[in-house]
PDB file of N, CA and C in Angstrom:
ATOM      1  N   MET A   1      22.762 145.114  68.463  1.00  0.00           N
ATOM      2  CA  MET A   1      22.803 143.734  68.862  1.00  0.00           C
ATOM      3  C   MET A   1      23.563 143.554  70.176  1.00  0.00           C
ATOM      4  N   MET A   2      24.675 144.240  70.324  1.00  0.00           N
ATOM      5  CA  MET A   2      25.463 144.145  71.561  1.00  0.00           C
ATOM      6  C   MET A   2      24.663 144.661  72.748  1.00  0.00           C
ATOM      7  N   PHE A   3      23.838 145.672  72.523  1.00  0.00           N
ATOM      8  CA  PHE A   3      23.012 146.215  73.600  1.00  0.00           C
ATOM      9  C   PHE A   3      22.040 145.159  74.113  1.00  0.00           C
ATOM     10  N   VAL A   4      21.413 144.435  73.208  1.00  0.00           N
ATOM     11  CA  VAL A   4      20.452 143.388  73.580  1.00  0.00           C
ATOM     12  C   VAL A   4      21.160 142.299  74.379  1.00  0.00           C
ATOM     13  N   ILE A   5      22.340 141.910  73.951  1.00  0.00           N
ATOM     14  CA  ILE A   5      23.102 140.885  74.665  1.00  0.00           C
ATOM     15  C   ILE A   5      23.476 141.382  76.060  1.00  0.00           C
ATOM     16  N   ALA A   6      23.915 142.630  76.168  1.00  0.00           N
ATOM     17  CA  ALA A   6      24.307 143.196  77.461  1.00  0.00           C
ATOM     18  C   ALA A   6      23.116 143.262  78.408  1.00  0.00           C
ATOM     19  N   VAL A   7      21.969 143.694  77.913  1.00  0.00           N
ATOM     20  CA  VAL A   7      20.768 143.788  78.750  1.00  0.00           C
ATOM     21  C   VAL A   7      20.325 142.400  79.199  1.00  0.00           C
ATOM     22  N   THR A   8      20.360 141.436  78.309  1.00  0.00           N
ATOM     23  CA  THR A   8      19.986 140.065  78.641  1.00  0.00           C
ATOM     24  C   THR A   8      20.924 139.491  79.696  1.00  0.00           C
ATOM     25  N   LEU A   9      22.205 139.721  79.547  1.00  0.00           N
ATOM     26  CA  LEU A   9      23.187 139.236  80.509  1.00  0.00           C
ATOM     27  C   LEU A   9      22.975 139.883  81.880  1.00  0.00           C
ATOM     28  N   MET A  10      22.767 141.193  81.900  1.00  0.00           N
ATOM     29  CA  MET A  10      22.541 141.894  83.167  1.00  0.00           C
ATOM     30  C   MET A  10      21.261 141.410  83.835  1.00  0.00           C
ATOM     31  N   GLY A  11      20.205 141.204  83.065  1.00  0.00           N
ATOM     32  CA  GLY A  11      18.950 140.688  83.618  1.00  0.00           C
ATOM     33  C   GLY A  11      19.130 139.304  84.206  1.00  0.00           C
ATOM     34  N   GLY A  12      19.860 138.460  83.516  1.00  0.00           N
ATOM     35  CA  GLY A  12      20.133 137.114  84.012  1.00  0.00           C
ATOM     36  C   GLY A  12      20.926 137.134  85.297  1.00  0.00           C
ATOM     37  N   LEU A  13      21.917 138.000  85.368  1.00  0.00           N
ATOM     38  CA  LEU A  13      22.712 138.122  86.591  1.00  0.00           C
ATOM     39  C   LEU A  13      21.864 138.625  87.756  1.00  0.00           C
ATOM     40  N   PHE A  14      20.975 139.585  87.488  1.00  0.00           N
ATOM     41  CA  PHE A  14      20.098 140.113  88.532  1.00  0.00           C
ATOM     42  C   PHE A  14      19.200 139.016  89.088  1.00  0.00           C
ATOM     43  N   VAL A  15      18.585 138.234  88.216  1.00  0.00           N
ATOM     44  CA  VAL A  15      17.686 137.156  88.647  1.00  0.00           C
ATOM     45  C   VAL A  15      18.481 136.105  89.420  1.00  0.00           C
ATOM     46  N   ASN A  16      19.659 135.772  88.940  1.00  0.00           N
ATOM     47  CA  ASN A  16      20.482 134.766  89.606  1.00  0.00           C
ATOM     48  C   ASN A  16      20.902 135.228  90.999  1.00  0.00           C
ATOM     49  N   GLU A  17      21.319 136.475  91.124  1.00  0.00           N
ATOM     50  CA  GLU A  17      21.754 137.016  92.416  1.00  0.00           C
ATOM     51  C   GLU A  17      20.606 137.119  93.412  1.00  0.00           C
ATOM     52  N   ASN A  18      19.385 137.235  92.932  1.00  0.00           N
ATOM     53  CA  ASN A  18      18.224 137.433  93.795  1.00  0.00           C
ATOM     54  C   ASN A  18      17.251 136.259  93.732  1.00  0.00           C
ATOM     55  N   ALA A  19      17.767 135.060  93.465  1.00  0.00           N
ATOM     56  CA  ALA A  19      16.929 133.878  93.307  1.00  0.00           C
ATOM     57  C   ALA A  19      16.088 133.607  94.547  1.00  0.00           C
ATOM     58  N   GLU A  20      16.663 133.791  95.743  1.00  0.00           N
ATOM     59  CA  GLU A  20      15.907 133.554  96.978  1.00  0.00           C
ATOM     60  C   GLU A  20      14.690 134.475  97.054  1.00  0.00           C
ATOM     61  N   PHE A  21      14.872 135.737  96.695  1.00  0.00           N
ATOM     62  CA  PHE A  21      13.778 136.694  96.706  1.00  0.00           C
ATOM     63  C   PHE A  21      12.662 136.242  95.766  1.00  0.00           C
ATOM     64  N   PHE A  22      13.008 135.856  94.537  1.00  0.00           N
ATOM     65  CA  PHE A  22      11.996 135.461  93.564  1.00  0.00           C
ATOM     66  C   PHE A  22      11.297 134.171  93.979  1.00  0.00           C
ATOM     67  N   ASN A  23      12.026 133.247  94.607  1.00  0.00           N
ATOM     68  CA  ASN A  23      11.395 132.029  95.126  1.00  0.00           C
ATOM     69  C   ASN A  23      10.407 132.366  96.241  1.00  0.00           C
ATOM     70  N   ASP A  24      10.795 133.288  97.128  1.00  0.00           N
ATOM     71  CA  ASP A  24       9.901 133.709  98.214  1.00  0.00           C
ATOM     72  C   ASP A  24       8.645 134.383  97.666  1.00  0.00           C
ATOM     73  N   VAL A  25       8.798 135.212  96.638  1.00  0.00           N
ATOM     74  CA  VAL A  25       7.650 135.884  96.029  1.00  0.00           C
ATOM     75  C   VAL A  25       6.693 134.848  95.445  1.00  0.00           C
ATOM     76  N   GLU A  26       7.224 133.846  94.768  1.00  0.00           N
ATOM     77  CA  GLU A  26       6.372 132.801  94.189  1.00  0.00           C
ATOM     78  C   GLU A  26       5.618 132.053  95.283  1.00  0.00           C
ATOM     79  N   GLN A  27       6.297 131.713  96.374  1.00  0.00           N
ATOM     80  CA  GLN A  27       5.630 131.021  97.478  1.00  0.00           C
ATOM     81  C   GLN A  27       4.565 131.914  98.111  1.00  0.00           C
ATOM     82  N   ASN A  28       4.866 133.197  98.280  1.00  0.00           N
ATOM     83  CA  ASN A  28       3.884 134.134  98.844  1.00  0.00           C
ATOM     84  C   ASN A  28       2.643 134.228  97.969  1.00  0.00           C
ATOM     85  N   ARG A  29       2.823 134.234  96.655  1.00  0.00           N
ATOM     86  CA  ARG A  29       1.675 134.260  95.736  1.00  0.00           C
ATOM     87  C   ARG A  29       0.813 133.020  95.915  1.00  0.00           C
ATOM     88  N   LYS A  30       1.469 131.862  96.046  1.00  0.00           N
ATOM     89  CA  LYS A  30       0.734 130.613  96.255  1.00  0.00           C
ATOM     90  C   LYS A  30      -0.031 130.647  97.578  1.00  0.00           C
ATOM     91  N   ASP A  31       0.505 131.371  98.555  1.00  0.00           N
ATOM     92  CA  ASP A  31      -0.140 131.500  99.865  1.00  0.00           C
ATOM     93  C   ASP A  31      -1.223 132.580  99.872  1.00  0.00           C
ATOM     94  N   GLY A  32      -1.447 133.233  98.725  1.00  0.00           N
ATOM     95  CA  GLY A  32      -2.504 134.229  98.605  1.00  0.00           C
ATOM     96  C   GLY A  32      -2.102 135.649  98.967  1.00  0.00           C
ATOM     97  N   LYS A  33      -0.819 135.878  99.143  1.00  0.00           N
ATOM     98  CA  LYS A  33      -0.366 137.226  99.484  1.00  0.00           C
ATOM     99  C   LYS A  33      -0.268 138.076  98.217  1.00  0.00           C
ATOM    100  N   VAL A  34      -0.427 139.391  98.397  1.00  0.00           N
ATOM    101  CA  VAL A  34      -0.320 140.344  97.298  1.00  0.00           C
ATOM    102  C   VAL A  34       0.590 141.493  97.732  1.00  0.00           C
ATOM    103  N   TRP A  35       1.113 142.216  96.750  1.00  0.00           N
ATOM    104  CA  TRP A  35       1.956 143.373  97.056  1.00  0.00           C
ATOM    105  C   TRP A  35       1.098 144.499  97.610  1.00  0.00           C
ATOM    106  N   GLU A  36       1.557 145.111  98.697  1.00  0.00           N
ATOM    107  CA  GLU A  36       0.872 146.255  99.285  1.00  0.00           C
ATOM    108  C   GLU A  36       1.886 147.343  99.618  1.00  0.00           C
ATOM    109  N   TYR A  37       1.479 148.591  99.390  1.00  0.00           N
ATOM    110  CA  TYR A  37       2.317 149.732  99.758  1.00  0.00           C
ATOM    111  C   TYR A  37       2.312 149.862 101.271  1.00  0.00           C
ATOM    112  N   VAL A  38       3.496 149.900 101.887  1.00  0.00           N
ATOM    113  CA  VAL A  38       3.599 150.012 103.343  1.00  0.00           C
ATOM    114  C   VAL A  38       4.280 151.303 103.772  1.00  0.00           C
ATOM    115  N   GLY A  39       4.674 152.124 102.812  1.00  0.00           N
ATOM    116  CA  GLY A  39       5.397 153.348 103.135  1.00  0.00           C
ATOM    117  C   GLY A  39       6.864 153.037 103.376  1.00  0.00           C
ATOM    118  N   PRO A  40       7.686 154.059 103.504  1.00  0.00           N
ATOM    119  CA  PRO A  40       9.115 153.831 103.680  1.00  0.00           C
ATOM    120  C   PRO A  40       9.411 153.152 105.024  1.00  0.00           C
ATOM    121  N   GLN A  41      10.060 151.993 104.962  1.00  0.00           N
ATOM    122  CA  GLN A  41      10.421 151.235 106.162  1.00  0.00           C
ATOM    123  C   GLN A  41      11.799 150.623 105.972  1.00  0.00           C
ATOM    124  N   SER A  42      12.448 150.317 107.081  1.00  0.00           N
ATOM    125  CA  SER A  42      13.695 149.557 107.024  1.00  0.00           C
ATOM    126  C   SER A  42      13.344 148.109 106.706  1.00  0.00           C
ATOM    127  N   PRO A  43      14.189 147.421 105.949  1.00  0.00           N
ATOM    128  CA  PRO A  43      13.902 146.023 105.624  1.00  0.00           C
ATOM    129  C   PRO A  43      13.896 145.149 106.880  1.00  0.00           C
ATOM    130  N   ASN A  44      13.009 144.159 106.909  1.00  0.00           N
ATOM    131  CA  ASN A  44      12.942 143.190 107.979  1.00  0.00           C
ATOM    132  C   ASN A  44      13.930 142.070 107.647  1.00  0.00           C
ATOM    133  N   GLU A  45      14.826 141.749 108.570  1.00  0.00           N
ATOM    134  CA  GLU A  45      15.838 140.727 108.303  1.00  0.00           C
ATOM    135  C   GLU A  45      15.240 139.335 108.112  1.00  0.00           C
ATOM    136  N   ASP A  46      14.007 139.117 108.598  1.00  0.00           N
ATOM    137  CA  ASP A  46      13.355 137.815 108.480  1.00  0.00           C
ATOM    138  C   ASP A  46      12.640 137.636 107.145  1.00  0.00           C
ATOM    139  N   GLU A  47      12.595 138.679 106.327  1.00  0.00           N
ATOM    140  CA  GLU A  47      11.920 138.635 105.031  1.00  0.00           C
ATOM    141  C   GLU A  47      12.923 139.000 103.941  1.00  0.00           C
ATOM    142  N   SER A  48      12.872 138.290 102.832  1.00  0.00           N
ATOM    143  CA  SER A  48      13.751 138.659 101.730  1.00  0.00           C
ATOM    144  C   SER A  48      13.187 139.900 101.052  1.00  0.00           C
ATOM    145  N   SER A  49      14.080 140.768 100.612  1.00  0.00           N
ATOM    146  CA  SER A  49      13.649 142.005  99.953  1.00  0.00           C
ATOM    147  C   SER A  49      14.763 142.505  99.048  1.00  0.00           C
ATOM    148  N   ILE A  50      14.389 143.407  98.176  1.00  0.00           N
ATOM    149  CA  ILE A  50      15.360 144.126  97.357  1.00  0.00           C
ATOM    150  C   ILE A  50      15.122 145.603  97.668  1.00  0.00           C
ATOM    151  N   PRO A  51      15.827 146.140  98.665  1.00  0.00           N
ATOM    152  CA  PRO A  51      15.569 147.516  99.095  1.00  0.00           C
ATOM    153  C   PRO A  51      16.225 148.551  98.181  1.00  0.00           C
ATOM    154  N   LEU A  52      15.700 149.754  98.265  1.00  0.00           N
ATOM    155  CA  LEU A  52      16.369 150.899  97.649  1.00  0.00           C
ATOM    156  C   LEU A  52      17.497 151.289  98.589  1.00  0.00           C
ATOM    157  N   ILE A  53      18.662 151.609  98.040  1.00  0.00           N
ATOM    158  CA  ILE A  53      19.810 151.979  98.865  1.00  0.00           C
ATOM    159  C   ILE A  53      20.165 153.426  98.559  1.00  0.00           C
ATOM    160  N   SER A  54      20.145 154.252  99.600  1.00  0.00           N
ATOM    161  CA  SER A  54      20.450 155.673  99.425  1.00  0.00           C
ATOM    162  C   SER A  54      21.962 155.885  99.340  1.00  0.00           C
ATOM    163  N   LYS A  55      22.367 157.097  99.010  1.00  0.00           N
ATOM    164  CA  LYS A  55      23.786 157.419  98.879  1.00  0.00           C
ATOM    165  C   LYS A  55      24.547 157.200 100.177  1.00  0.00           C
ATOM    166  N   ASP A  56      23.863 157.367 101.320  1.00  0.00           N
ATOM    167  CA  ASP A  56      24.536 157.170 102.607  1.00  0.00           C
ATOM    168  C   ASP A  56      24.510 155.714 103.068  1.00  0.00           C
ATOM    169  N   GLY A  57      23.977 154.814 102.230  1.00  0.00           N
ATOM    170  CA  GLY A  57      23.966 153.393 102.544  1.00  0.00           C
ATOM    171  C   GLY A  57      22.712 152.911 103.246  1.00  0.00           C
ATOM    172  N   GLY A  58      21.770 153.808 103.539  1.00  0.00           N
ATOM    173  CA  GLY A  58      20.521 153.411 104.186  1.00  0.00           C
ATOM    174  C   GLY A  58      19.648 152.601 103.241  1.00  0.00           C
ATOM    175  N   GLU A  59      18.963 151.593 103.771  1.00  0.00           N
ATOM    176  CA  GLU A  59      18.089 150.742 102.963  1.00  0.00           C
ATOM    177  C   GLU A  59      16.630 151.002 103.311  1.00  0.00           C
ATOM    178  N   THR A  60      15.776 151.072 102.283  1.00  0.00           N
ATOM    179  CA  THR A  60      14.353 151.357 102.470  1.00  0.00           C
ATOM    180  C   THR A  60      13.531 150.472 101.555  1.00  0.00           C
ATOM    181  N   VAL A  61      12.439 149.924 102.094  1.00  0.00           N
ATOM    182  CA  VAL A  61      11.448 149.205 101.278  1.00  0.00           C
ATOM    183  C   VAL A  61      10.140 149.969 101.348  1.00  0.00           C
ATOM    184  N   TYR A  62       9.377 149.931 100.261  1.00  0.00           N
ATOM    185  CA  TYR A  62       8.105 150.627 100.181  1.00  0.00           C
ATOM    186  C   TYR A  62       6.937 149.671  99.993  1.00  0.00           C
ATOM    187  N   PHE A  63       7.203 148.472  99.500  1.00  0.00           N
ATOM    188  CA  PHE A  63       6.165 147.483  99.237  1.00  0.00           C
ATOM    189  C   PHE A  63       6.545 146.167  99.897  1.00  0.00           C
ATOM    190  N   LYS A  64       5.532 145.463 100.420  1.00  0.00           N
ATOM    191  CA  LYS A  64       5.724 144.134 100.984  1.00  0.00           C
ATOM    192  C   LYS A  64       4.568 143.255 100.544  1.00  0.00           C
ATOM    193  N   MET A  65       4.814 141.961 100.542  1.00  0.00           N
ATOM    194  CA  MET A  65       3.724 141.023 100.251  1.00  0.00           C
ATOM    195  C   MET A  65       3.024 140.689 101.569  1.00  0.00           C
ATOM    196  N   GLN A  66       1.710 140.906 101.586  1.00  0.00           N
ATOM    197  CA  GLN A  66       0.933 140.651 102.804  1.00  0.00           C
ATOM    198  C   GLN A  66      -0.336 139.946 102.450  1.00  0.00           C
TER     199      GLN A  66
END
């Protein structure tokens, strides 16, 4: 039971911390955009994203809505 509560709490915190990203994704869907693989790229500062962060602190995105 504690595991379920912990997972639910962590999921809620993740969504709350990334609310702008999820709002942007919803708007992009309404605009007809879909997720596409773009290969490893640095995140664009003009677009919201949740990048993968390497051990050395580098950020990489692999998918974008286009």
